[in-house]
Protein backbone atom coordinates (compact mmCIF):
# COMPACT_ATOMS: atom_id res chain seq x y z
CA MET A 1 107.29 68.45 34.61
CA LYS A 2 110.91 69.57 34.31
CA LYS A 3 109.82 73.22 34.56
CA LEU A 4 107.88 72.52 37.73
CA LEU A 5 110.82 70.69 39.26
CA LEU A 6 113.22 73.46 38.18
CA GLY A 7 110.89 76.10 39.71
CA ALA A 8 110.72 74.18 42.99
CA VAL A 9 114.51 73.85 43.16
CA MET A 10 114.93 77.59 42.44
CA ALA A 11 112.35 78.51 45.09
CA PHE A 12 114.06 76.24 47.63
CA GLY A 13 117.41 77.80 46.74
CA MET A 14 116.04 81.31 47.28
CA LEU A 15 114.50 80.31 50.60
CA SER A 16 117.78 78.75 51.71
CA ALA A 17 119.68 81.90 50.74
CA THR A 18 117.17 84.08 52.60
CA ALA A 19 117.30 81.84 55.67
CA GLN A 20 121.09 81.97 55.68
CA ALA A 21 121.05 85.78 55.47
CA THR A 22 118.79 85.99 58.49
CA LYS A 23 120.79 86.19 61.70
CA ILE A 24 118.97 86.19 65.00
CA GLY A 25 120.57 87.30 68.24
CA TYR A 26 119.44 87.99 71.76
CA ILE A 27 120.51 90.24 74.60
CA ASN A 28 119.27 91.04 78.09
CA THR A 29 118.80 94.84 78.09
CA ASP A 30 118.36 94.91 81.87
CA GLU A 31 121.77 93.31 82.29
CA VAL A 32 123.37 95.70 79.78
CA MET A 33 121.90 98.71 81.54
CA SER A 34 123.02 97.46 84.95
CA LEU A 35 126.59 97.16 83.65
CA MET A 36 126.69 100.70 82.26
CA PRO A 37 128.70 103.25 84.30
CA GLU A 38 125.61 105.45 84.70
CA ALA A 39 123.71 102.68 86.51
CA ALA A 40 125.40 103.12 89.91
CA LYS A 41 124.88 106.89 89.85
CA ILE A 42 121.22 106.52 88.90
CA GLN A 43 120.66 103.90 91.61
CA ALA A 44 122.18 106.22 94.22
CA GLU A 45 119.96 109.09 93.03
CA LEU A 46 116.87 106.87 93.13
CA ASN A 47 117.71 105.70 96.66
CA GLU A 48 118.23 109.29 97.80
CA TYR A 49 114.91 110.34 96.25
CA GLN A 50 113.06 107.45 97.91
CA VAL A 51 114.61 108.30 101.30
CA SER A 52 113.45 111.89 100.82
CA LEU A 53 109.90 110.71 100.08
CA GLN A 54 109.96 108.41 103.14
CA GLN A 55 111.12 111.28 105.34
CA GLN A 56 108.25 113.44 104.07
CA GLY A 57 105.85 110.60 104.88
CA GLN A 58 107.30 110.26 108.38
CA THR A 59 106.95 114.02 108.93
CA LEU A 60 103.31 113.84 107.85
CA THR A 61 102.71 110.90 110.20
CA LYS A 62 104.36 112.66 113.12
CA ASP A 63 102.35 115.83 112.47
CA ALA A 64 99.11 113.84 112.30
CA ASP A 65 99.90 111.96 115.51
CA GLU A 66 100.76 115.17 117.36
CA LYS A 67 97.53 116.86 116.24
CA ARG A 68 95.54 113.76 117.18
CA ASP A 69 97.11 113.68 120.65
CA LYS A 70 96.50 117.39 121.11
CA TYR A 71 92.88 116.96 120.04
CA PHE A 72 92.30 114.22 122.64
CA LYS A 73 94.10 116.23 125.31
CA ASP A 74 92.17 119.45 124.58
CA SER A 75 88.81 117.85 123.75
CA ILE A 76 87.51 118.29 127.32
CA THR A 77 87.92 122.05 127.16
CA LEU A 78 86.85 122.58 123.53
CA THR A 79 83.40 123.73 122.49
CA PRO A 80 81.41 121.36 120.29
CA THR A 81 82.06 123.63 117.29
CA MET A 82 85.83 123.64 117.88
CA LYS A 83 85.79 119.87 118.38
CA GLU A 84 84.08 119.47 115.00
CA ILE A 85 86.56 121.81 113.27
CA ARG A 86 89.57 119.96 114.73
CA ARG A 87 88.01 116.58 113.96
CA GLU A 88 87.56 117.62 110.31
CA GLU A 89 91.18 118.81 110.22
CA LEU A 90 92.30 115.43 111.54
CA VAL A 91 90.18 113.54 109.03
CA LYS A 92 91.70 115.60 106.18
CA LEU A 93 95.19 115.07 107.53
CA TYR A 94 94.78 111.30 107.87
CA THR A 95 93.17 111.11 104.43
CA ARG A 96 96.18 112.97 103.02
CA LEU A 97 98.46 110.59 104.89
CA GLN A 98 96.73 107.53 103.44
CA SER A 99 97.02 108.83 99.87
CA TYR A 100 100.64 109.89 100.40
CA ASP A 101 102.02 106.34 100.09
CA GLN A 102 100.45 105.91 96.67
CA GLU A 103 101.58 109.39 95.58
CA ALA A 104 105.11 108.69 96.77
CA GLN A 105 105.20 105.42 94.85
CA GLU A 106 103.97 107.14 91.68
CA LYS A 107 106.49 109.96 92.08
CA SER A 108 109.26 107.43 92.61
CA GLN A 109 108.31 105.53 89.45
CA GLN A 110 108.13 108.73 87.39
CA TYR A 111 111.50 109.87 88.72
CA ALA A 112 113.04 106.48 87.93
CA GLN A 113 111.65 106.52 84.40
CA SER A 114 113.03 110.01 83.77
CA LYS A 115 116.48 108.92 84.95
CA ILE A 116 116.50 105.54 83.17
CA ALA A 117 115.14 106.71 79.80
CA PRO A 118 118.41 108.25 78.52
CA VAL A 119 120.41 105.20 79.63
CA ARG A 120 117.93 102.87 77.93
CA THR A 121 118.15 104.92 74.73
CA LYS A 122 121.95 104.77 74.82
CA ALA A 123 121.85 100.99 75.34
CA LEU A 124 119.34 100.46 72.51
CA ASP A 125 121.40 102.62 70.15
CA ALA A 126 124.47 100.50 70.95
CA ILE A 127 122.49 97.28 70.44
CA LYS A 128 121.23 98.50 67.05
CA ALA A 129 124.75 99.55 66.01
CA VAL A 130 126.22 96.16 66.97
CA ALA A 131 123.39 94.34 65.20
CA LYS A 132 124.08 96.32 62.04
CA GLU A 133 127.88 95.82 62.28
CA LYS A 134 127.56 92.07 62.90
CA GLY A 135 124.77 91.52 60.35
CA TYR A 136 121.98 90.54 62.73
CA THR A 137 118.55 90.88 61.15
CA TYR A 138 116.62 90.32 64.38
CA VAL A 139 117.62 90.93 67.99
CA ILE A 140 115.35 89.76 70.80
CA ASP A 141 115.40 91.26 74.29
CA ASP A 142 115.94 88.24 76.54
CA ALA A 143 114.54 90.17 79.52
CA SER A 144 111.12 90.82 77.97
CA ASN A 145 110.96 88.71 74.77
CA VAL A 146 110.54 91.84 72.63
CA LEU A 147 112.12 92.37 69.23
CA LEU A 148 114.64 95.22 69.52
CA VAL A 149 115.98 95.11 65.96
CA MET A 150 114.10 93.98 62.88
CA PRO A 151 113.96 94.92 59.21
CA PRO A 152 111.17 97.18 57.99
CA ALA A 153 108.00 95.26 57.33
CA ASP A 154 104.46 95.74 56.11
CA ASP A 155 101.62 96.41 58.52
CA LEU A 156 99.11 93.63 57.94
CA LEU A 157 96.29 95.21 59.95
CA PRO A 158 94.48 96.79 56.95
CA PHE A 159 94.56 93.48 55.05
CA VAL A 160 93.34 91.46 58.04
CA LYS A 161 90.55 93.99 58.69
CA THR A 162 89.47 93.65 55.07
CA LYS A 163 89.62 89.85 55.30
CA LEU A 164 87.45 89.94 58.43
CA GLY A 165 85.07 92.50 56.96
CA ILE A 166 85.89 95.11 59.60
CA LYS A 167 85.13 98.65 58.52
CA GLU A 168 86.48 101.82 60.13
CA PRO A 169 84.01 103.40 62.56
CA VAL A 170 82.56 106.69 61.40
CA PRO A 171 83.70 109.51 63.72
CA ALA A 172 80.91 111.15 65.68
CA ALA A 173 80.01 114.72 64.81
CA PRO A 174 81.29 117.32 67.31
CA GLY A 175 78.87 118.14 70.09
CA LYS A 176 76.97 114.86 69.89
């Protein structure tokens, strides 16, 4: 009985020591990035890029409206074949105009990601360095509830798949 009690005390002592060595911190990466000197420059570049995209959209709209007005003005004198050709041109132009908003939004997001990625990397490197210096084992991003810093760990997926009886699918032969 003494051995069991001694083992329990030792296990509790080890757990207490491990718990004390674990330091958990949190940080809002969005706030850090907004405070970095690069943030204002990137925001100005993003605004300029978005204005450029809006101007392109306005030019497309103006062009489409002018061609539409010209079509209605000239439609009395146009042959049926020419009317059909101009109508198809207008349909293509308005279709392009409708898809432009989505394209502009996608371009804007891609541009923003390309500009923000280096700043994010710099911020994460600083967070990891501070965590190491201050002895934090885990750091949680307060903005997204994601672990930014953590010690290496084991991937439990293979063990859970085995426990559940999940086998790897056999890859299909090429050409089938």
